[in-house]
Amino acid sequence: MKWFNRSSKHPHPAFKSRLTFGQRASDVVTIFFGSWAFIIILAILLFAWMAMNLVMLFGKWDPYPFILLNLILSCLAAVQAPIILMSQNRQADRDRINAKYDYAVNRKAEREVANMQKDLDEIKHLVKRKR
């Protein structure tokens, strides 16, 4: 997965927790449904469905207004949307954890820089007194 590499060293222990089956499934489904491959495959299937029904190669199972196709697409959207939202919520949680960790690291770095500046000022003061 592009956004989560288990082998890399994440700074926060929350990234090392085991994912449930549902969490892994929602991430995989989101990766596929958010790809160009899904859009192209869906477009090909839609055009094939419409072409077969317009030419009537296999009989009239879904005539022109394509009500069955509309039902299938509505069901797909009804299932797909919550799965994608679950994955996005998990990504938002990871981003929030990263932001908190980055803030803590930045605060620590700021304190260390301030301490170094204080030490440098003290060294300058000692050098000036010896002259």
N, C-alpha and C. Protein backbone atom coordinates (compact mmCIF):
# COMPACT_ATOMS: atom_id res chain seq x y z
N MET A 1 0.84 -1.18 0.00
CA MET A 1 0.00 0.00 0.00
C MET A 1 0.88 1.23 0.00
N LYS A 2 0.49 2.20 -0.77
CA LYS A 2 1.32 3.37 -1.00
C LYS A 2 1.52 4.21 0.27
N TRP A 3 0.48 4.37 1.07
CA TRP A 3 0.53 5.31 2.19
C TRP A 3 0.95 4.66 3.49
N PHE A 4 1.08 3.34 3.52
CA PHE A 4 1.37 2.68 4.79
C PHE A 4 2.29 1.50 4.54
N ASN A 5 3.54 1.66 4.88
CA ASN A 5 4.52 0.60 4.69
C ASN A 5 4.88 0.03 6.05
N ARG A 6 4.47 -1.21 6.31
CA ARG A 6 4.70 -1.81 7.63
C ARG A 6 6.18 -1.98 7.94
N SER A 7 7.02 -2.13 6.92
CA SER A 7 8.43 -2.38 7.18
C SER A 7 9.19 -1.10 7.54
N SER A 8 8.63 0.05 7.24
CA SER A 8 9.33 1.30 7.56
C SER A 8 9.21 1.58 9.05
N LYS A 9 10.09 2.42 9.54
CA LYS A 9 10.10 2.75 10.96
C LYS A 9 9.24 4.00 11.19
N HIS A 10 8.04 3.79 11.70
CA HIS A 10 7.15 4.90 12.02
C HIS A 10 7.49 5.40 13.42
N PRO A 11 7.48 6.69 13.61
CA PRO A 11 7.85 7.25 14.90
C PRO A 11 6.83 7.00 16.00
N HIS A 12 5.61 6.75 15.66
CA HIS A 12 4.57 6.63 16.66
C HIS A 12 4.10 5.18 16.76
N PRO A 13 3.91 4.65 17.98
CA PRO A 13 3.52 3.25 18.13
C PRO A 13 2.13 2.94 17.57
N ALA A 14 1.27 3.94 17.38
CA ALA A 14 -0.07 3.69 16.85
C ALA A 14 0.00 3.13 15.43
N PHE A 15 1.08 3.42 14.72
CA PHE A 15 1.21 2.92 13.36
C PHE A 15 1.60 1.44 13.33
N LYS A 16 2.06 0.92 14.46
CA LYS A 16 2.49 -0.47 14.51
C LYS A 16 1.37 -1.40 14.96
N SER A 17 0.18 -0.87 15.24
CA SER A 17 -0.91 -1.71 15.70
C SER A 17 -1.42 -2.59 14.57
N ARG A 18 -1.95 -3.75 14.94
CA ARG A 18 -2.46 -4.69 13.95
C ARG A 18 -3.80 -4.17 13.43
N LEU A 19 -3.98 -4.26 12.13
CA LEU A 19 -5.23 -3.83 11.52
C LEU A 19 -6.23 -4.97 11.53
N THR A 20 -7.49 -4.64 11.73
CA THR A 20 -8.53 -5.66 11.66
C THR A 20 -8.79 -6.01 10.20
N PHE A 21 -9.51 -7.10 9.97
CA PHE A 21 -9.84 -7.49 8.61
C PHE A 21 -10.62 -6.39 7.90
N GLY A 22 -11.58 -5.78 8.60
CA GLY A 22 -12.38 -4.72 8.01
C GLY A 22 -11.55 -3.50 7.62
N GLN A 23 -10.57 -3.15 8.46
CA GLN A 23 -9.71 -2.01 8.15
C GLN A 23 -8.85 -2.30 6.93
N ARG A 24 -8.26 -3.50 6.89
CA ARG A 24 -7.44 -3.86 5.71
C ARG A 24 -8.30 -3.90 4.46
N ALA A 25 -9.50 -4.48 4.58
CA ALA A 25 -10.39 -4.58 3.41
C ALA A 25 -10.80 -3.19 2.92
N SER A 26 -11.14 -2.29 3.83
CA SER A 26 -11.55 -0.95 3.40
C SER A 26 -10.40 -0.22 2.71
N ASP A 27 -9.18 -0.42 3.20
CA ASP A 27 -8.03 0.22 2.56
C ASP A 27 -7.80 -0.33 1.16
N VAL A 28 -7.89 -1.65 1.00
CA VAL A 28 -7.67 -2.26 -0.32
C VAL A 28 -8.77 -1.85 -1.29
N VAL A 29 -10.03 -1.88 -0.82
CA VAL A 29 -11.15 -1.48 -1.67
C VAL A 29 -11.01 -0.02 -2.09
N THR A 30 -10.61 0.83 -1.15
CA THR A 30 -10.45 2.25 -1.46
C THR A 30 -9.36 2.46 -2.51
N ILE A 31 -8.27 1.71 -2.38
CA ILE A 31 -7.19 1.84 -3.36
C ILE A 31 -7.68 1.47 -4.75
N PHE A 32 -8.48 0.38 -4.84
CA PHE A 32 -8.97 -0.03 -6.17
C PHE A 32 -10.03 0.93 -6.69
N PHE A 33 -11.03 1.27 -5.86
CA PHE A 33 -12.13 2.13 -6.33
C PHE A 33 -11.67 3.55 -6.62
N GLY A 34 -10.52 3.92 -6.14
CA GLY A 34 -10.00 5.26 -6.41
C GLY A 34 -8.97 5.27 -7.52
N SER A 35 -9.00 4.27 -8.38
CA SER A 35 -7.97 4.17 -9.42
C SER A 35 -8.57 4.35 -10.81
N TRP A 36 -7.69 4.66 -11.74
CA TRP A 36 -8.11 4.77 -13.14
C TRP A 36 -8.52 3.41 -13.68
N ALA A 37 -7.91 2.35 -13.18
CA ALA A 37 -8.28 1.00 -13.63
C ALA A 37 -9.76 0.74 -13.36
N PHE A 38 -10.24 1.11 -12.17
CA PHE A 38 -11.66 0.92 -11.86
C PHE A 38 -12.54 1.74 -12.79
N ILE A 39 -12.18 2.98 -13.04
CA ILE A 39 -12.99 3.84 -13.91
C ILE A 39 -13.05 3.26 -15.32
N ILE A 40 -11.91 2.80 -15.84
CA ILE A 40 -11.88 2.24 -17.19
C ILE A 40 -12.67 0.94 -17.27
N ILE A 41 -12.49 0.05 -16.29
CA ILE A 41 -13.24 -1.21 -16.28
C ILE A 41 -14.74 -0.95 -16.18
N LEU A 42 -15.13 -0.02 -15.31
CA LEU A 42 -16.56 0.31 -15.16
C LEU A 42 -17.12 0.89 -16.46
N ALA A 43 -16.37 1.77 -17.10
CA ALA A 43 -16.84 2.36 -18.36
C ALA A 43 -17.01 1.28 -19.43
N ILE A 44 -16.07 0.35 -19.52
CA ILE A 44 -16.17 -0.74 -20.50
C ILE A 44 -17.40 -1.61 -20.21
N LEU A 45 -17.60 -1.95 -18.94
CA LEU A 45 -18.77 -2.76 -18.58
C LEU A 45 -20.08 -2.03 -18.87
N LEU A 46 -20.12 -0.74 -18.58
CA LEU A 46 -21.34 0.03 -18.85
C LEU A 46 -21.65 0.08 -20.35
N PHE A 47 -20.63 0.36 -21.15
CA PHE A 47 -20.86 0.42 -22.60
C PHE A 47 -21.21 -0.95 -23.16
N ALA A 48 -20.60 -2.01 -22.64
CA ALA A 48 -20.94 -3.36 -23.10
C ALA A 48 -22.38 -3.70 -22.73
N TRP A 49 -22.78 -3.39 -21.51
CA TRP A 49 -24.15 -3.64 -21.05
C TRP A 49 -25.14 -2.93 -21.96
N MET A 50 -24.89 -1.64 -22.21
CA MET A 50 -25.82 -0.87 -23.04
C MET A 50 -25.83 -1.37 -24.48
N ALA A 51 -24.66 -1.69 -25.00
CA ALA A 51 -24.59 -2.16 -26.38
C ALA A 51 -25.32 -3.49 -26.54
N MET A 52 -25.12 -4.42 -25.61
CA MET A 52 -25.80 -5.72 -25.71
C MET A 52 -27.31 -5.56 -25.58
N ASN A 53 -27.75 -4.63 -24.76
CA ASN A 53 -29.19 -4.43 -24.60
C ASN A 53 -29.80 -3.67 -25.76
N LEU A 54 -29.05 -2.81 -26.39
CA LEU A 54 -29.58 -2.08 -27.55
C LEU A 54 -29.62 -2.98 -28.78
N VAL A 55 -28.61 -3.82 -28.95
CA VAL A 55 -28.55 -4.70 -30.11
C VAL A 55 -29.39 -5.95 -29.87
N MET A 56 -29.66 -6.25 -28.61
CA MET A 56 -30.46 -7.40 -28.19
C MET A 56 -29.86 -8.72 -28.61
N LEU A 57 -28.58 -8.90 -28.36
CA LEU A 57 -27.92 -10.16 -28.68
C LEU A 57 -28.42 -11.29 -27.79
N PHE A 58 -28.72 -10.99 -26.55
CA PHE A 58 -29.11 -12.03 -25.60
C PHE A 58 -30.54 -11.85 -25.11
N GLY A 59 -31.35 -11.17 -25.83
CA GLY A 59 -32.73 -10.93 -25.40
C GLY A 59 -32.86 -9.62 -24.66
N LYS A 60 -34.09 -9.31 -24.28
CA LYS A 60 -34.36 -8.04 -23.59
C LYS A 60 -34.35 -8.25 -22.09
N TRP A 61 -33.19 -8.28 -21.47
CA TRP A 61 -33.18 -8.41 -20.01
C TRP A 61 -33.17 -7.05 -19.33
N ASP A 62 -32.79 -5.99 -20.06
CA ASP A 62 -32.80 -4.64 -19.49
C ASP A 62 -32.99 -3.64 -20.63
N PRO A 63 -34.24 -3.40 -21.07
CA PRO A 63 -34.44 -2.50 -22.22
C PRO A 63 -34.04 -1.06 -21.92
N TYR A 64 -34.19 -0.21 -22.92
CA TYR A 64 -33.55 1.11 -23.02
C TYR A 64 -33.38 1.93 -21.75
N PRO A 65 -34.32 2.26 -20.96
CA PRO A 65 -33.90 3.17 -19.87
C PRO A 65 -32.92 2.51 -18.89
N PHE A 66 -32.62 1.22 -19.10
CA PHE A 66 -31.60 0.49 -18.32
C PHE A 66 -31.86 0.60 -16.82
N ILE A 67 -33.05 0.21 -16.40
CA ILE A 67 -33.41 0.31 -14.99
C ILE A 67 -32.59 -0.65 -14.14
N LEU A 68 -32.34 -1.86 -14.63
CA LEU A 68 -31.53 -2.82 -13.86
C LEU A 68 -30.09 -2.30 -13.70
N LEU A 69 -29.55 -1.74 -14.77
CA LEU A 69 -28.20 -1.16 -14.70
C LEU A 69 -28.16 -0.02 -13.68
N ASN A 70 -29.19 0.81 -13.69
CA ASN A 70 -29.29 1.91 -12.73
C ASN A 70 -29.34 1.38 -11.30
N LEU A 71 -30.09 0.30 -11.08
CA LEU A 71 -30.17 -0.31 -9.75
C LEU A 71 -28.81 -0.84 -9.32
N ILE A 72 -28.11 -1.51 -10.22
CA ILE A 72 -26.79 -2.05 -9.90
C ILE A 72 -25.82 -0.92 -9.54
N LEU A 73 -25.81 0.15 -10.32
CA LEU A 73 -24.91 1.28 -10.05
C LEU A 73 -25.27 1.96 -8.73
N SER A 74 -26.55 2.06 -8.41
CA SER A 74 -26.96 2.66 -7.15
C SER A 74 -26.51 1.80 -5.96
N CYS A 75 -26.64 0.50 -6.10
CA CYS A 75 -26.17 -0.41 -5.03
C CYS A 75 -24.66 -0.32 -4.88
N LEU A 76 -23.95 -0.25 -5.99
CA LEU A 76 -22.49 -0.10 -5.93
C LEU A 76 -22.11 1.17 -5.19
N ALA A 77 -22.77 2.27 -5.52
CA ALA A 77 -22.48 3.55 -4.85
C ALA A 77 -22.84 3.50 -3.37
N ALA A 78 -23.96 2.81 -3.04
CA ALA A 78 -24.39 2.73 -1.65
C ALA A 78 -23.41 1.93 -0.79
N VAL A 79 -22.75 0.94 -1.38
CA VAL A 79 -21.78 0.14 -0.64
C VAL A 79 -20.40 0.80 -0.66
N GLN A 80 -20.06 1.35 -1.80
CA GLN A 80 -18.72 1.91 -2.01
C GLN A 80 -18.47 3.15 -1.14
N ALA A 81 -19.44 4.03 -1.01
CA ALA A 81 -19.24 5.29 -0.29
C ALA A 81 -18.87 5.08 1.18
N PRO A 82 -19.59 4.25 1.95
CA PRO A 82 -19.18 4.08 3.35
C PRO A 82 -17.82 3.43 3.50
N ILE A 83 -17.47 2.52 2.60
CA ILE A 83 -16.16 1.86 2.68
C ILE A 83 -15.05 2.89 2.47
N ILE A 84 -15.22 3.75 1.48
CA ILE A 84 -14.22 4.78 1.22
C ILE A 84 -14.14 5.76 2.39
N LEU A 85 -15.28 6.10 2.98
CA LEU A 85 -15.28 7.01 4.13
C LEU A 85 -14.56 6.39 5.33
N MET A 86 -14.74 5.08 5.54
CA MET A 86 -14.02 4.42 6.65
C MET A 86 -12.52 4.54 6.45
N SER A 87 -12.05 4.31 5.23
CA SER A 87 -10.63 4.40 4.95
C SER A 87 -10.13 5.84 5.10
N GLN A 88 -10.93 6.79 4.66
CA GLN A 88 -10.54 8.20 4.80
C GLN A 88 -10.48 8.61 6.27
N ASN A 89 -11.40 8.09 7.09
CA ASN A 89 -11.36 8.41 8.52
C ASN A 89 -10.11 7.85 9.16
N ARG A 90 -9.70 6.64 8.76
CA ARG A 90 -8.47 6.08 9.30
C ARG A 90 -7.27 6.91 8.86
N GLN A 91 -7.28 7.38 7.62
CA GLN A 91 -6.18 8.24 7.15
C GLN A 91 -6.16 9.55 7.92
N ALA A 92 -7.32 10.10 8.21
CA ALA A 92 -7.38 11.34 9.00
C ALA A 92 -6.82 11.11 10.40
N ASP A 93 -7.12 9.95 11.00
CA ASP A 93 -6.55 9.64 12.31
C ASP A 93 -5.03 9.55 12.25
N ARG A 94 -4.51 8.90 11.19
CA ARG A 94 -3.05 8.80 11.04
C ARG A 94 -2.45 10.19 10.85
N ASP A 95 -3.10 11.03 10.08
CA ASP A 95 -2.60 12.39 9.87
C ASP A 95 -2.59 13.19 11.18
N ARG A 96 -3.63 13.01 11.97
CA ARG A 96 -3.71 13.71 13.26
C ARG A 96 -2.58 13.27 14.18
N ILE A 97 -2.31 11.96 14.23
CA ILE A 97 -1.21 11.45 15.05
C ILE A 97 0.12 12.00 14.56
N ASN A 98 0.31 12.01 13.23
CA ASN A 98 1.55 12.56 12.65
C ASN A 98 1.72 14.03 13.01
N ALA A 99 0.63 14.78 12.94
CA ALA A 99 0.71 16.22 13.25
C ALA A 99 1.10 16.45 14.71
N LYS A 100 0.51 15.66 15.61
CA LYS A 100 0.87 15.79 17.03
C LYS A 100 2.33 15.44 17.26
N TYR A 101 2.79 14.38 16.61
CA TYR A 101 4.18 13.96 16.76
C TYR A 101 5.12 15.03 16.19
N ASP A 102 4.79 15.55 15.01
CA ASP A 102 5.61 16.60 14.40
C ASP A 102 5.67 17.83 15.29
N TYR A 103 4.55 18.18 15.91
CA TYR A 103 4.52 19.34 16.80
C TYR A 103 5.45 19.11 17.99
N ALA A 104 5.38 17.91 18.58
CA ALA A 104 6.24 17.60 19.73
C ALA A 104 7.72 17.65 19.33
N VAL A 105 8.05 17.11 18.18
CA VAL A 105 9.44 17.13 17.71
C VAL A 105 9.90 18.57 17.46
N ASN A 106 9.04 19.37 16.85
CA ASN A 106 9.39 20.76 16.58
C ASN A 106 9.58 21.56 17.88
N ARG A 107 8.75 21.30 18.89
CA ARG A 107 8.92 21.98 20.17
C ARG A 107 10.24 21.60 20.82
N LYS A 108 10.58 20.31 20.76
CA LYS A 108 11.84 19.85 21.33
C LYS A 108 13.01 20.48 20.60
N ALA A 109 12.94 20.54 19.29
CA ALA A 109 14.02 21.16 18.50
C ALA A 109 14.14 22.64 18.84
N GLU A 110 13.02 23.29 19.04
CA GLU A 110 13.03 24.72 19.39
C GLU A 110 13.72 24.92 20.75
N ARG A 111 13.43 24.06 21.72
CA ARG A 111 14.08 24.17 23.04
C ARG A 111 15.58 23.93 22.92
N GLU A 112 15.96 22.94 22.10
CA GLU A 112 17.39 22.65 21.93
C GLU A 112 18.11 23.81 21.26
N VAL A 113 17.49 24.43 20.27
CA VAL A 113 18.09 25.58 19.61
C VAL A 113 18.21 26.74 20.59
N ALA A 114 17.19 26.94 21.41
CA ALA A 114 17.25 28.02 22.40
C ALA A 114 18.38 27.76 23.40
N ASN A 115 18.55 26.51 23.82
CA ASN A 115 19.65 26.17 24.74
C ASN A 115 21.01 26.40 24.08
N MET A 116 21.13 26.03 22.83
CA MET A 116 22.40 26.25 22.12
C MET A 116 22.68 27.74 21.97
N GLN A 117 21.63 28.52 21.70
CA GLN A 117 21.81 29.97 21.57
C GLN A 117 22.26 30.57 22.90
N LYS A 118 21.67 30.07 23.98
CA LYS A 118 22.06 30.54 25.31
C LYS A 118 23.53 30.20 25.58
N ASP A 119 23.95 28.98 25.22
CA ASP A 119 25.34 28.58 25.39
C ASP A 119 26.27 29.45 24.54
N LEU A 120 25.88 29.74 23.31
CA LEU A 120 26.70 30.58 22.44
C LEU A 120 26.83 31.99 23.01
N ASP A 121 25.72 32.51 23.51
CA ASP A 121 25.78 33.85 24.11
C ASP A 121 26.71 33.86 25.32
N GLU A 122 26.67 32.80 26.11
CA GLU A 122 27.56 32.70 27.27
C GLU A 122 29.02 32.62 26.83
N ILE A 123 29.28 31.85 25.78
CA ILE A 123 30.65 31.75 25.25
C ILE A 123 31.12 33.10 24.73
N LYS A 124 30.28 33.82 24.03
CA LYS A 124 30.64 35.15 23.53
C LYS A 124 30.98 36.08 24.69
N HIS A 125 30.15 36.00 25.71
CA HIS A 125 30.37 36.86 26.89
C HIS A 125 31.72 36.53 27.55
N LEU A 126 32.06 35.24 27.66
CA LEU A 126 33.33 34.84 28.26
C LEU A 126 34.52 35.25 27.40
N VAL A 127 34.37 35.14 26.09
CA VAL A 127 35.44 35.55 25.17
C VAL A 127 35.68 37.05 25.28
N LYS A 128 34.63 37.85 25.36
CA LYS A 128 34.78 39.29 25.45
C LYS A 128 35.42 39.70 26.77
N ARG A 129 35.11 38.98 27.85
CA ARG A 129 35.71 39.32 29.15
C ARG A 129 37.20 39.03 29.19
N LYS A 130 37.66 38.03 28.46
CA LYS A 130 39.08 37.67 28.47
C LYS A 130 39.90 38.64 27.64
N ARG A 131 39.33 39.37 26.81
CA ARG A 131 40.09 40.30 25.97
C ARG A 131 40.48 41.50 26.71
